[in-house]
């Protein structure tokens, strides 16, 4: 079974336009980073091929989709 870990980097001071960043690892290998901001979330894969950014309203719509469950 894969072992997943995540770490978080958060600004020390309140900065309105600074993302909170999560580094996601599986069995010690970095899968990518999840950046969370007040307007959207963004996935940055470790291979750097593409970034996926999505607004919170669209994310909520996707997560509420029963086909995913």
C-alpha atoms as a PDB file:
ATOM      1  CA  UNK A   1       0.000   0.000   0.000  1.00  0.00           C
ATOM      2  CA  UNK A   2       1.282   3.439  -0.902  1.00  0.00           C
ATOM      3  CA  UNK A   3       2.219   5.766   1.913  1.00  0.00           C
ATOM      4  CA  UNK A   4       1.186   9.370   1.317  1.00  0.00           C
ATOM      5  CA  UNK A   5       2.545  12.403   3.115  1.00  0.00           C
ATOM      6  CA  UNK A   6       1.889  16.087   2.761  1.00  0.00           C
ATOM      7  CA  UNK A   7       3.632  19.156   4.119  1.00  0.00           C
ATOM      8  CA  UNK A   8       2.353  22.699   4.178  1.00  0.00           C
ATOM      9  CA  UNK A   9       4.133  26.000   3.608  1.00  0.00           C
ATOM     10  CA  UNK A  10       2.225  29.006   4.867  1.00  0.00           C
ATOM     11  CA  UNK A  11       3.296  32.647   4.901  1.00  0.00           C
ATOM     12  CA  UNK A  12       4.474  33.796   8.334  1.00  0.00           C
ATOM     13  CA  UNK A  13       2.495  36.980   8.019  1.00  0.00           C
ATOM     14  CA  UNK A  14      -0.948  37.553   6.593  1.00  0.00           C
ATOM     15  CA  UNK A  15      -0.368  38.310   2.935  1.00  0.00           C
ATOM     16  CA  UNK A  16      -3.596  38.661   0.997  1.00  0.00           C
ATOM     17  CA  UNK A  17      -2.306  37.394  -2.336  1.00  0.00           C
ATOM     18  CA  UNK A  18       0.025  34.620  -1.131  1.00  0.00           C
ATOM     19  CA  UNK A  19      -0.941  30.969  -1.630  1.00  0.00           C
ATOM     20  CA  UNK A  20      -0.779  28.256   0.982  1.00  0.00           C
ATOM     21  CA  UNK A  21       1.269  25.474  -0.585  1.00  0.00           C
ATOM     22  CA  UNK A  22       0.976  21.734   0.064  1.00  0.00           C
ATOM     23  CA  UNK A  23       3.719  19.384  -1.135  1.00  0.00           C
ATOM     24  CA  UNK A  24       2.269  15.912  -1.764  1.00  0.00           C
ATOM     25  CA  UNK A  25       4.470  12.805  -1.683  1.00  0.00           C
ATOM     26  CA  UNK A  26       3.835   9.111  -2.254  1.00  0.00           C
ATOM     27  CA  UNK A  27       6.389   6.684  -0.805  1.00  0.00           C
ATOM     28  CA  UNK A  28       8.819   9.592  -0.486  1.00  0.00           C
ATOM     29  CA  UNK A  29       8.483  10.593  -4.158  1.00  0.00           C
ATOM     30  CA  UNK A  30       7.057  14.054  -4.817  1.00  0.00           C
ATOM     31  CA  UNK A  31       3.810  13.855  -6.804  1.00  0.00           C
ATOM     32  CA  UNK A  32       3.276  17.603  -6.991  1.00  0.00           C
ATOM     33  CA  UNK A  33       2.126  20.704  -5.177  1.00  0.00           C
ATOM     34  CA  UNK A  34      -1.337  22.010  -4.391  1.00  0.00           C
ATOM     35  CA  UNK A  35      -1.534  25.811  -4.104  1.00  0.00           C
ATOM     36  CA  UNK A  36      -4.596  27.163  -2.307  1.00  0.00           C
ATOM     37  CA  UNK A  37      -5.554  30.820  -2.599  1.00  0.00           C
ATOM     38  CA  UNK A  38      -8.620  32.873  -1.853  1.00  0.00           C
ATOM     39  CA  UNK A  39      -9.769  32.680  -5.478  1.00  0.00           C
ATOM     40  CA  UNK A  40      -8.728  29.246  -6.716  1.00  0.00           C
ATOM     41  CA  UNK A  41      -6.726  26.085  -6.240  1.00  0.00           C
ATOM     42  CA  UNK A  42      -3.902  25.002  -8.523  1.00  0.00           C
ATOM     43  CA  UNK A  43      -2.221  21.610  -9.011  1.00  0.00           C
ATOM     44  CA  UNK A  44       1.410  21.695 -10.130  1.00  0.00           C
ATOM     45  CA  UNK A  45       2.613  18.172 -10.971  1.00  0.00           C
ATOM     46  CA  UNK A  46       6.189  17.196 -10.256  1.00  0.00           C
ATOM     47  CA  UNK A  47       6.896  16.611 -13.944  1.00  0.00           C
ATOM     48  CA  UNK A  48       6.075  20.270 -14.647  1.00  0.00           C
ATOM     49  CA  UNK A  49       4.126  19.442 -17.813  1.00  0.00           C
ATOM     50  CA  UNK A  50       1.057  21.494 -16.964  1.00  0.00           C
ATOM     51  CA  UNK A  51      -0.621  23.392 -14.185  1.00  0.00           C
ATOM     52  CA  UNK A  52      -4.306  23.013 -13.484  1.00  0.00           C
ATOM     53  CA  UNK A  53      -6.086  25.980 -11.918  1.00  0.00           C
ATOM     54  CA  UNK A  54      -9.736  25.936 -10.973  1.00  0.00           C
ATOM     55  CA  UNK A  55     -12.038  28.452  -9.292  1.00  0.00           C
ATOM     56  CA  UNK A  56     -13.657  27.438  -6.011  1.00  0.00           C
ATOM     57  CA  UNK A  57     -17.197  27.400  -7.442  1.00  0.00           C
ATOM     58  CA  UNK A  58     -16.136  24.978 -10.192  1.00  0.00           C
ATOM     59  CA  UNK A  59     -14.232  22.843  -7.676  1.00  0.00           C
ATOM     60  CA  UNK A  60     -17.357  22.612  -5.491  1.00  0.00           C
ATOM     61  CA  UNK A  61     -19.400  21.617  -8.536  1.00  0.00           C
ATOM     62  CA  UNK A  62     -16.927  18.866  -9.425  1.00  0.00           C
ATOM     63  CA  UNK A  63     -16.701  17.529  -5.863  1.00  0.00           C
ATOM     64  CA  UNK A  64     -20.495  17.468  -5.529  1.00  0.00           C
ATOM     65  CA  UNK A  65     -20.766  15.356  -8.671  1.00  0.00           C
ATOM     66  CA  UNK A  66     -22.013  11.961  -7.520  1.00  0.00           C
ATOM     67  CA  UNK A  67     -20.333  10.228 -10.453  1.00  0.00           C
ATOM     68  CA  UNK A  68     -16.972  10.759  -8.714  1.00  0.00           C
ATOM     69  CA  UNK A  69     -18.058   8.838  -5.630  1.00  0.00           C
END
